[in-house]
N, C-alpha and C. Protein backbone atom coordinates (compact mmCIF):
# COMPACT_ATOMS: atom_id res chain seq x y z
N MET A 1 -70.38 -0.03 -36.58
CA MET A 1 -70.09 0.71 -35.42
C MET A 1 -69.08 0.06 -34.51
N CYS A 2 -69.27 -1.41 -34.48
CA CYS A 2 -68.16 -2.05 -33.79
C CYS A 2 -67.08 -1.96 -34.38
N VAL A 3 -66.66 -1.99 -35.73
CA VAL A 3 -65.66 -1.70 -36.29
C VAL A 3 -64.72 -0.46 -35.94
N VAL A 4 -65.60 0.48 -35.84
CA VAL A 4 -64.99 1.82 -35.35
C VAL A 4 -64.54 1.75 -34.04
N ASN A 5 -65.34 1.31 -33.10
CA ASN A 5 -64.74 0.91 -31.79
C ASN A 5 -63.48 0.18 -31.59
N GLU A 6 -63.40 -0.95 -32.59
CA GLU A 6 -62.13 -1.68 -32.52
C GLU A 6 -61.08 -0.94 -32.99
N MET A 7 -61.29 -0.17 -33.96
CA MET A 7 -60.06 0.72 -34.65
C MET A 7 -59.47 1.85 -33.52
N GLN A 8 -60.52 2.38 -32.75
CA GLN A 8 -60.34 3.30 -31.80
C GLN A 8 -59.67 2.66 -30.64
N THR A 9 -60.06 1.41 -30.12
CA THR A 9 -59.27 0.86 -29.04
C THR A 9 -57.83 0.57 -29.60
N LEU A 10 -57.77 -0.07 -30.56
CA LEU A 10 -56.29 -0.47 -31.18
C LEU A 10 -55.52 0.85 -31.17
N GLU A 11 -56.04 1.72 -31.84
CA GLU A 11 -55.26 3.12 -31.93
C GLU A 11 -54.75 3.50 -30.61
N ALA A 12 -55.62 3.53 -29.66
CA ALA A 12 -55.39 4.07 -28.20
C ALA A 12 -54.26 2.82 -27.90
N MET A 13 -54.27 1.79 -27.78
CA MET A 13 -53.25 0.79 -27.32
C MET A 13 -51.94 1.16 -28.14
N VAL A 14 -52.04 1.41 -29.35
CA VAL A 14 -50.70 1.60 -30.07
C VAL A 14 -50.19 2.84 -29.52
N SER A 15 -51.11 4.09 -29.36
CA SER A 15 -50.55 5.37 -28.80
C SER A 15 -50.16 5.20 -27.42
N PHE A 16 -50.75 4.33 -26.50
CA PHE A 16 -50.31 4.23 -24.95
C PHE A 16 -48.75 3.33 -24.96
N VAL A 17 -48.67 2.51 -25.66
CA VAL A 17 -47.27 1.51 -26.11
C VAL A 17 -46.09 2.67 -26.69
N PHE A 18 -46.50 3.72 -27.38
CA PHE A 18 -45.54 4.57 -27.62
C PHE A 18 -45.45 5.32 -26.86
N PHE A 19 -46.45 5.77 -25.93
CA PHE A 19 -46.30 6.89 -24.90
C PHE A 19 -45.36 6.24 -23.93
N LEU A 20 -45.54 5.13 -23.55
CA LEU A 20 -44.79 4.16 -22.54
C LEU A 20 -43.36 4.13 -22.88
N SER A 21 -43.02 3.71 -24.10
CA SER A 21 -41.68 3.71 -24.53
C SER A 21 -41.11 4.97 -24.59
N ILE A 22 -41.52 6.24 -24.89
CA ILE A 22 -40.99 7.17 -24.68
C ILE A 22 -40.55 7.85 -23.45
N CYS A 23 -41.77 7.66 -22.33
CA CYS A 23 -41.55 7.99 -21.03
C CYS A 23 -40.41 7.28 -20.44
N SER A 24 -40.46 5.93 -20.71
CA SER A 24 -39.07 4.88 -20.25
C SER A 24 -37.91 5.30 -20.68
N HIS A 25 -37.91 5.66 -21.90
CA HIS A 25 -36.55 6.46 -22.57
C HIS A 25 -36.05 7.76 -21.94
N LEU A 26 -37.26 8.38 -21.49
CA LEU A 26 -36.75 9.68 -20.91
C LEU A 26 -36.21 9.57 -19.44
N ILE A 27 -37.11 8.44 -18.84
CA ILE A 27 -36.62 8.35 -17.43
C ILE A 27 -35.17 7.71 -17.30
N LEU A 28 -35.04 6.63 -18.27
CA LEU A 28 -33.85 6.19 -18.09
C LEU A 28 -32.63 7.17 -18.59
N SER A 29 -32.78 8.03 -19.28
CA SER A 29 -31.79 8.94 -19.71
C SER A 29 -31.52 10.00 -18.62
N LEU A 30 -32.47 10.21 -17.72
CA LEU A 30 -32.34 11.28 -16.81
C LEU A 30 -31.52 10.63 -15.43
N GLU A 31 -31.38 9.24 -15.42
CA GLU A 31 -30.70 8.67 -14.42
C GLU A 31 -29.59 9.46 -13.85
N GLU A 32 -29.47 9.51 -12.42
CA GLU A 32 -28.50 10.43 -12.03
C GLU A 32 -26.98 9.67 -12.29
N SER A 33 -26.03 10.76 -12.22
CA SER A 33 -24.80 9.89 -12.38
C SER A 33 -24.35 9.58 -11.17
N ARG A 34 -23.52 8.34 -11.11
CA ARG A 34 -23.14 7.86 -9.73
C ARG A 34 -21.38 8.06 -9.64
N HIS A 35 -21.03 9.32 -10.49
CA HIS A 35 -19.68 9.58 -9.92
C HIS A 35 -19.59 10.26 -8.69
N ILE A 36 -18.61 9.75 -7.93
CA ILE A 36 -18.28 10.18 -6.22
C ILE A 36 -17.37 11.56 -6.42
N ASP A 37 -17.69 12.43 -6.20
CA ASP A 37 -16.67 13.74 -5.90
C ASP A 37 -15.76 13.52 -4.93
N ASP A 38 -14.35 12.99 -5.33
CA ASP A 38 -13.33 13.09 -4.38
C ASP A 38 -12.54 13.92 -4.29
N SER A 39 -12.75 15.19 -4.60
CA SER A 39 -11.88 16.31 -4.67
C SER A 39 -11.35 16.60 -3.38
N LEU A 40 -12.19 16.69 -2.26
CA LEU A 40 -11.83 16.91 -0.96
C LEU A 40 -10.83 15.92 -0.20
N TYR A 41 -11.09 14.59 -0.75
CA TYR A 41 -10.15 13.62 -0.33
C TYR A 41 -8.71 13.73 -0.92
N ARG A 42 -8.58 14.04 -2.32
CA ARG A 42 -7.31 14.23 -2.84
C ARG A 42 -6.66 15.51 -2.44
N ILE A 43 -7.45 16.52 -2.08
CA ILE A 43 -6.76 17.68 -1.49
C ILE A 43 -6.08 17.39 0.04
N GLN A 44 -6.88 16.54 0.57
CA GLN A 44 -6.36 16.08 2.08
C GLN A 44 -5.38 15.14 1.89
N LEU A 45 -5.07 14.33 0.74
CA LEU A 45 -3.99 13.66 0.69
C LEU A 45 -2.77 14.28 0.36
N ALA A 46 -2.94 15.43 -0.45
CA ALA A 46 -1.79 16.45 -0.87
C ALA A 46 -1.20 16.78 0.57
N GLU A 47 -2.36 17.48 1.40
CA GLU A 47 -1.99 18.34 2.49
C GLU A 47 -1.21 17.21 3.35
N ASP A 48 -1.60 15.87 3.53
CA ASP A 48 -0.73 14.84 4.51
C ASP A 48 0.35 14.51 3.65
N VAL A 49 0.44 14.41 2.80
CA VAL A 49 1.90 14.16 2.02
C VAL A 49 2.84 15.35 2.38
N TRP A 50 2.57 16.59 1.99
CA TRP A 50 3.36 17.77 2.32
C TRP A 50 3.49 17.69 3.99
N ARG A 51 2.70 17.39 5.01
CA ARG A 51 2.95 17.32 6.25
C ARG A 51 3.84 16.26 6.63
N VAL A 52 4.07 15.16 6.07
CA VAL A 52 4.87 14.12 6.47
C VAL A 52 6.13 14.47 5.86
N LEU A 53 6.18 15.02 4.65
CA LEU A 53 7.50 15.82 4.43
C LEU A 53 8.03 16.67 4.99
N TYR A 54 7.34 17.81 5.58
CA TYR A 54 7.73 18.73 6.26
C TYR A 54 8.18 18.10 7.71
N LEU A 55 7.47 17.15 8.32
CA LEU A 55 7.93 16.69 9.86
C LEU A 55 8.99 15.89 9.58
N ARG A 56 9.31 15.61 8.55
CA ARG A 56 10.63 14.71 8.29
C ARG A 56 11.83 15.85 8.23
N GLY A 57 11.68 16.87 8.09
CA GLY A 57 12.59 17.90 8.10
C GLY A 57 13.18 18.14 6.50
N ASN A 58 12.45 17.71 5.68
CA ASN A 58 12.68 17.90 4.15
C ASN A 58 12.88 19.46 3.77
N PHE A 59 12.41 20.44 4.41
CA PHE A 59 12.35 21.43 4.08
C PHE A 59 13.03 22.63 5.06
N ALA A 60 13.63 22.30 5.88
CA ALA A 60 14.24 23.18 7.00
C ALA A 60 15.35 23.95 6.39
N ASP A 61 16.18 23.31 5.65
CA ASP A 61 17.23 24.27 5.02
C ASP A 61 17.02 24.14 3.49
N PHE A 62 16.10 24.55 3.15
CA PHE A 62 15.55 24.40 1.58
C PHE A 62 16.52 24.69 0.47
N GLN A 63 17.37 26.23 0.68
CA GLN A 63 18.21 26.52 -0.02
C GLN A 63 19.42 25.68 -0.26
N ASN A 64 19.73 24.85 0.48
CA ASN A 64 20.92 23.82 0.39
C ASN A 64 20.38 22.39 0.28
N VAL A 65 19.19 22.16 -0.27
CA VAL A 65 18.47 20.70 -0.23
C VAL A 65 19.13 20.05 -1.38
N ASP A 66 19.19 18.72 -0.73
CA ASP A 66 19.97 17.78 -1.84
C ASP A 66 18.83 17.26 -2.68
N ARG A 67 18.64 17.36 -3.94
CA ARG A 67 17.52 17.13 -5.06
C ARG A 67 17.21 15.50 -4.79
N ASP A 68 18.42 14.82 -4.69
CA ASP A 68 18.14 13.58 -4.74
C ASP A 68 17.74 12.78 -3.80
N LYS A 69 18.18 13.41 -2.40
CA LYS A 69 17.60 13.26 -1.02
C LYS A 69 16.02 13.43 -1.07
N LEU A 70 15.77 14.34 -1.33
CA LEU A 70 14.33 14.87 -1.39
C LEU A 70 13.46 13.95 -2.27
N GLU A 71 14.05 13.78 -3.60
CA GLU A 71 13.29 12.58 -4.35
C GLU A 71 13.23 11.23 -3.89
N GLN A 72 14.15 11.01 -2.97
CA GLN A 72 14.15 9.75 -2.39
C GLN A 72 13.19 9.68 -1.32
N GLU A 73 12.76 10.74 -0.81
CA GLU A 73 11.59 10.89 0.09
C GLU A 73 10.20 10.69 -0.53
N PHE A 74 10.41 11.76 -1.62
CA PHE A 74 9.25 11.49 -2.64
C PHE A 74 8.92 9.89 -2.75
N THR A 75 9.79 9.29 -3.30
CA THR A 75 9.69 7.90 -3.66
C THR A 75 9.25 7.21 -2.62
N LEU A 76 9.57 7.17 -1.35
CA LEU A 76 9.20 6.44 -0.24
C LEU A 76 7.66 6.65 -0.02
N ILE A 77 7.36 8.04 -0.04
CA ILE A 77 5.88 8.32 0.20
C ILE A 77 5.17 7.74 -1.16
N GLY A 78 5.57 8.03 -2.19
CA GLY A 78 5.06 7.79 -3.59
C GLY A 78 4.62 6.29 -3.74
N ASP A 79 5.70 5.63 -3.31
CA ASP A 79 5.52 4.06 -3.48
C ASP A 79 4.35 3.67 -2.42
N GLU A 80 4.06 3.92 -1.28
CA GLU A 80 3.27 3.78 -0.34
C GLU A 80 2.00 3.90 -0.81
N ALA A 81 1.68 5.34 -1.42
CA ALA A 81 0.46 5.91 -1.83
C ALA A 81 0.36 5.59 -3.14
N SER A 82 1.15 4.85 -3.94
CA SER A 82 1.15 4.91 -5.48
C SER A 82 0.53 6.45 -6.38
N LEU A 83 1.58 7.33 -5.88
CA LEU A 83 1.17 8.61 -6.43
C LEU A 83 2.47 9.22 -6.71
N CYS A 84 2.57 10.03 -7.71
CA CYS A 84 3.62 10.85 -8.18
C CYS A 84 3.62 12.07 -7.38
N ILE A 85 4.78 12.75 -7.00
CA ILE A 85 4.61 13.75 -6.22
C ILE A 85 5.71 14.75 -6.89
N PHE A 86 5.22 15.96 -7.21
CA PHE A 86 5.98 17.23 -7.87
C PHE A 86 5.96 18.42 -7.01
N MET A 87 7.17 19.10 -7.33
CA MET A 87 7.12 20.34 -6.40
C MET A 87 8.16 21.26 -7.40
N ASP A 88 7.53 22.30 -7.62
CA ASP A 88 8.11 23.16 -8.69
C ASP A 88 8.13 22.95 -9.97
N GLY A 89 6.78 22.19 -10.26
CA GLY A 89 6.86 21.60 -11.65
C GLY A 89 7.61 20.24 -11.60
N VAL A 90 8.49 20.05 -12.35
CA VAL A 90 9.20 18.54 -12.32
C VAL A 90 10.67 18.94 -11.63
N GLN A 91 10.83 20.06 -11.31
CA GLN A 91 12.16 20.27 -10.50
C GLN A 91 12.39 19.35 -9.46
N PHE A 92 11.46 18.85 -8.76
CA PHE A 92 11.64 17.81 -7.76
C PHE A 92 10.53 16.81 -8.06
N THR A 93 10.83 15.76 -8.18
CA THR A 93 9.79 14.57 -8.55
C THR A 93 10.14 13.37 -8.18
N ASN A 94 9.14 12.45 -8.00
CA ASN A 94 9.53 11.04 -7.97
C ASN A 94 9.13 10.08 -9.06
N CYS A 95 8.83 10.91 -10.15
CA CYS A 95 8.29 10.15 -11.66
C CYS A 95 9.25 10.65 -12.70
N ARG A 96 10.31 10.82 -12.48
CA ARG A 96 11.13 11.31 -13.49
C ARG A 96 11.62 10.43 -14.56
N GLY A 97 11.44 10.59 -15.70
CA GLY A 97 11.95 9.57 -16.77
C GLY A 97 11.18 8.87 -17.03
N SER A 98 9.51 8.66 -16.95
CA SER A 98 8.69 7.84 -17.24
C SER A 98 8.30 8.11 -18.65
N ASN A 99 8.19 7.23 -19.34
CA ASN A 99 7.54 7.31 -20.99
C ASN A 99 6.06 7.63 -20.96
N GLN A 100 5.36 7.39 -19.72
CA GLN A 100 3.78 7.68 -19.74
C GLN A 100 3.78 9.11 -19.43
N PRO A 101 2.45 9.77 -19.81
CA PRO A 101 2.33 11.19 -19.27
C PRO A 101 1.75 11.16 -17.90
N HIS A 102 1.82 12.04 -17.16
CA HIS A 102 1.33 12.12 -15.77
C HIS A 102 0.27 12.98 -15.87
N HIS A 103 -0.53 12.58 -14.82
CA HIS A 103 -1.98 13.23 -14.72
C HIS A 103 -1.85 13.95 -13.29
N ILE A 104 -1.86 15.26 -13.18
CA ILE A 104 -1.75 15.87 -11.81
C ILE A 104 -3.33 16.00 -11.33
N THR A 105 -3.56 15.32 -10.19
CA THR A 105 -4.96 15.60 -9.66
C THR A 105 -5.20 16.63 -8.85
N VAL A 106 -4.25 17.01 -8.08
CA VAL A 106 -4.42 18.41 -6.94
C VAL A 106 -3.30 19.01 -7.03
N SER A 107 -3.15 20.36 -6.86
CA SER A 107 -1.70 21.16 -6.65
C SER A 107 -2.18 22.19 -5.61
N LEU A 108 -1.47 22.43 -4.67
CA LEU A 108 -1.17 23.35 -3.59
C LEU A 108 -0.21 24.27 -3.75
N THR A 109 -0.26 25.59 -3.31
CA THR A 109 0.74 26.39 -3.09
C THR A 109 1.24 26.39 -1.64
N LYS A 110 2.59 26.16 -1.65
CA LYS A 110 3.00 25.97 -0.40
C LYS A 110 4.46 26.80 -0.09
N THR A 111 4.55 27.34 1.11
CA THR A 111 5.55 28.21 1.33
C THR A 111 6.76 27.53 2.28
N VAL A 112 7.98 28.02 1.59
CA VAL A 112 9.41 27.19 2.35
C VAL A 112 10.28 28.67 2.30
N ILE A 113 11.02 28.51 3.56
CA ILE A 113 12.13 29.57 3.54
C ILE A 113 13.13 29.18 2.58
N TYR A 114 13.46 30.07 1.61
CA TYR A 114 14.47 30.10 0.74
C TYR A 114 15.29 31.16 0.65
N ASN A 115 16.63 31.17 1.13
CA ASN A 115 17.53 32.07 1.25
C ASN A 115 17.06 33.00 2.45
N GLY A 116 16.68 32.79 3.27
CA GLY A 116 15.93 33.56 4.41
C GLY A 116 14.92 34.32 4.29
N THR A 117 14.33 33.95 2.80
CA THR A 117 12.98 34.68 2.56
C THR A 117 11.90 33.73 2.35
N PRO A 118 10.46 33.90 2.65
CA PRO A 118 9.54 32.98 2.29
C PRO A 118 9.47 33.04 0.68
N LYS A 119 9.34 31.78 0.41
CA LYS A 119 8.98 31.41 -1.31
C LYS A 119 7.91 30.28 -1.44
N ASP A 120 7.21 30.89 -2.50
CA ASP A 120 6.07 29.93 -2.56
C ASP A 120 6.43 29.01 -3.88
N PHE A 121 6.12 27.63 -3.66
CA PHE A 121 6.18 26.68 -4.48
C PHE A 121 4.87 25.95 -4.73
N LYS A 122 4.85 25.52 -5.98
CA LYS A 122 3.73 24.66 -6.21
C LYS A 122 4.13 22.99 -6.08
N PHE A 123 3.20 22.51 -5.19
CA PHE A 123 3.27 21.11 -4.82
C PHE A 123 2.10 20.38 -5.37
N SER A 124 2.20 19.34 -6.06
CA SER A 124 1.13 18.60 -6.55
C SER A 124 1.42 17.20 -6.51
N ILE A 125 0.06 16.50 -6.67
CA ILE A 125 0.27 14.95 -6.62
C ILE A 125 -0.44 14.64 -7.81
N GLY A 126 -0.12 13.40 -8.03
CA GLY A 126 -0.96 12.71 -9.27
C GLY A 126 -0.58 11.36 -9.50
N LYS A 127 -1.22 11.00 -10.72
CA LYS A 127 -0.82 9.33 -11.21
C LYS A 127 0.06 9.45 -12.37
């Protein structure tokens, strides 16, 4: 009878250790992701870049805009914020001619007056 009790105790201890290892594995796999959602920050950053360009007068006479002048403005802001700025795809950008692919993080639809009528453009920032 003593041997049976010792076997049951040993079996209970092995089962308990196995149970603890399964539980700890499950708890560790359910650990909450620590990724911070910064999408609102990126949208606000794109809005701020647009606002700076707008207040500097870059979109006042858009049908006669000088692409090189606008891209110089993009470069000034892009260098300060370490961003690539795109408007209407790559028609206007400060990241032209780079061998590395660009990753657009946020895009906004903005309106400028073009030939006397409002026209929507896609304004994007990225890396």
